[in-house]
Amino acid sequence: VQLQASGGGLVQAGGSLKLSCAASGRTFSDYAMAWFRQTPGKEREFVAAISWSGSMTHYADSVKGRFTISGDNAKNTVYLQMNSLKPDDTAVYYCAAKGSWTKVKDTSSYDYWGRGTLVTVSS
């Protein structure tokens, strides 16, 4: 399984970015997909997760109402629309996949990880 994240960049506070995570290598019909983020010196933290069917989503409190996770099954791609960005959202964002909708906030429960994409929010 390969996950390829893209879409990061530099944006001013209050702006928007949309991250993409393209998945390949197997059938993902039973999978949960998620976004995590990490800043230097801190642990990787959960941002949002979605079931591959799209019927279930879960967000970290810090991003609720600002970020939206979605998926396009035909393209095997998961997105993270980030609005009203804050400097505290600055981080390397990683997409991840696991084979069930359990412990979706738990970093250690994920089987596959993509390489991160850097999001920088300037004040």
Protein backbone atom coordinates (compact mmCIF):
# COMPACT_ATOMS: atom_id res chain seq x y z
CA VAL A 1 0.00 0.00 0.00
CA GLN A 2 1.25 3.43 -0.90
CA LEU A 3 -0.11 6.76 0.27
CA GLN A 4 0.92 9.96 -1.41
CA ALA A 5 0.04 13.23 0.30
CA SER A 6 0.14 16.56 -1.48
CA GLY A 7 -1.26 20.06 -1.34
CA GLY A 8 0.72 21.64 1.44
CA GLY A 9 2.13 25.12 1.20
CA LEU A 10 2.32 28.58 2.71
CA VAL A 11 -0.88 30.44 3.49
CA GLN A 12 -1.83 33.44 5.55
CA ALA A 13 -3.91 33.11 8.69
CA GLY A 14 -7.59 32.91 7.79
CA GLY A 15 -6.82 31.31 4.46
CA SER A 16 -7.56 27.85 3.09
CA LEU A 17 -5.70 24.84 1.73
CA LYS A 18 -6.83 21.47 0.46
CA LEU A 19 -4.67 18.42 1.03
CA SER A 20 -4.96 15.25 -1.02
CA CYS A 21 -3.93 11.69 -0.21
CA ALA A 22 -3.84 9.26 -3.12
CA ALA A 23 -3.92 5.59 -2.13
CA SER A 24 -2.77 2.65 -4.22
CA GLY A 25 -1.78 -0.97 -3.90
CA ARG A 26 -4.96 -2.68 -2.75
CA THR A 27 -8.70 -2.42 -2.38
CA PHE A 28 -9.66 0.03 0.32
CA SER A 29 -13.33 -0.70 0.77
CA ASP A 30 -12.95 -1.66 4.44
CA TYR A 31 -10.38 0.93 5.37
CA ALA A 32 -10.33 4.00 7.54
CA MET A 33 -8.28 6.90 6.28
CA ALA A 34 -6.99 9.69 8.44
CA TRP A 35 -4.90 12.80 8.64
CA PHE A 36 -2.41 13.45 11.40
CA ARG A 37 -0.02 16.33 11.92
CA GLN A 38 3.26 16.86 13.67
CA THR A 39 5.42 19.79 14.68
CA PRO A 40 9.06 19.58 15.77
CA GLY A 41 9.45 18.27 19.30
CA LYS A 42 5.84 17.18 19.59
CA GLU A 43 4.05 13.91 19.14
CA ARG A 44 2.07 13.25 16.00
CA GLU A 45 -1.54 14.22 16.65
CA PHE A 46 -4.82 13.14 15.16
CA VAL A 47 -6.65 15.60 12.92
CA ALA A 48 -9.51 13.78 11.16
CA ALA A 49 -10.60 10.35 9.96
CA ILE A 50 -13.12 8.99 7.49
CA SER A 51 -14.40 5.53 6.73
CA TRP A 52 -13.81 4.47 3.16
CA SER A 53 -17.56 4.47 2.56
CA GLY A 54 -17.67 8.05 3.79
CA SER A 55 -20.44 7.26 6.24
CA MET A 56 -18.36 7.96 9.31
CA THR A 57 -16.06 10.84 10.14
CA HIS A 58 -14.29 12.00 13.25
CA TYR A 59 -12.43 15.22 14.00
CA ALA A 60 -10.08 16.54 16.61
CA ASP A 61 -11.72 19.25 18.68
CA SER A 62 -9.10 21.73 17.54
CA VAL A 63 -10.22 21.52 13.91
CA LYS A 64 -13.97 20.94 14.19
CA GLY A 65 -15.91 23.43 12.14
CA ARG A 66 -12.82 24.46 10.18
CA PHE A 67 -11.56 21.27 8.52
CA THR A 68 -13.53 18.80 6.42
CA ILE A 69 -12.37 15.33 5.47
CA SER A 70 -13.84 13.71 2.38
CA GLY A 71 -13.11 10.95 -0.08
CA ASP A 72 -13.43 10.08 -3.74
CA ASN A 73 -13.62 6.29 -4.05
CA ALA A 74 -13.26 6.36 -7.81
CA LYS A 75 -9.91 8.11 -7.45
CA ASN A 76 -8.83 6.28 -4.26
CA THR A 77 -8.19 9.71 -2.82
CA VAL A 78 -8.96 11.34 0.51
CA TYR A 79 -9.01 15.09 0.96
CA LEU A 80 -8.66 17.48 3.85
CA GLN A 81 -10.20 20.88 3.23
CA MET A 82 -8.73 23.31 5.72
CA ASN A 83 -10.42 26.67 6.21
CA SER A 84 -9.88 29.52 8.65
CA LEU A 85 -6.32 28.40 9.12
CA LYS A 86 -4.40 29.54 12.18
CA PRO A 87 -0.66 29.72 12.83
CA ASP A 88 -1.15 26.83 15.29
CA ASP A 89 -2.16 24.66 12.32
CA THR A 90 1.40 24.87 11.01
CA ALA A 91 2.75 21.32 10.85
CA VAL A 92 3.72 18.46 8.61
CA TYR A 93 0.50 16.68 7.70
CA TYR A 94 0.48 12.92 7.16
CA CYS A 95 -2.19 10.66 5.76
CA ALA A 96 -2.64 7.17 7.14
CA ALA A 97 -4.72 4.05 6.51
CA LYS A 98 -5.92 1.15 8.62
CA GLY A 99 -8.11 -1.84 8.08
CA SER A 100 -10.96 -1.03 10.47
CA TRP A 101 -12.91 1.80 12.04
CA THR A 102 -11.50 1.35 15.53
CA LYS A 103 -9.15 3.51 17.56
CA VAL A 104 -9.12 6.00 14.71
CA LYS A 105 -7.38 8.64 16.84
CA ASP A 106 -4.61 6.25 17.85
CA THR A 107 -1.42 6.82 15.86
CA SER A 108 -0.08 3.36 16.66
CA SER A 109 -3.16 1.62 15.24
CA TYR A 110 -2.48 2.67 11.64
CA ASP A 111 -0.88 0.24 9.23
CA TYR A 112 0.21 2.56 6.45
CA TRP A 113 1.58 6.07 6.34
CA GLY A 114 2.35 8.48 3.58
CA ARG A 115 5.16 10.95 3.48
CA GLY A 116 4.14 14.25 4.98
CA THR A 117 3.28 17.51 3.34
CA LEU A 118 4.21 20.76 5.05
CA VAL A 119 1.55 23.34 5.86
CA THR A 120 2.77 26.72 7.03
CA VAL A 121 0.31 29.35 8.24
CA SER A 122 1.74 32.83 8.63
CA SER A 123 0.29 35.37 11.03
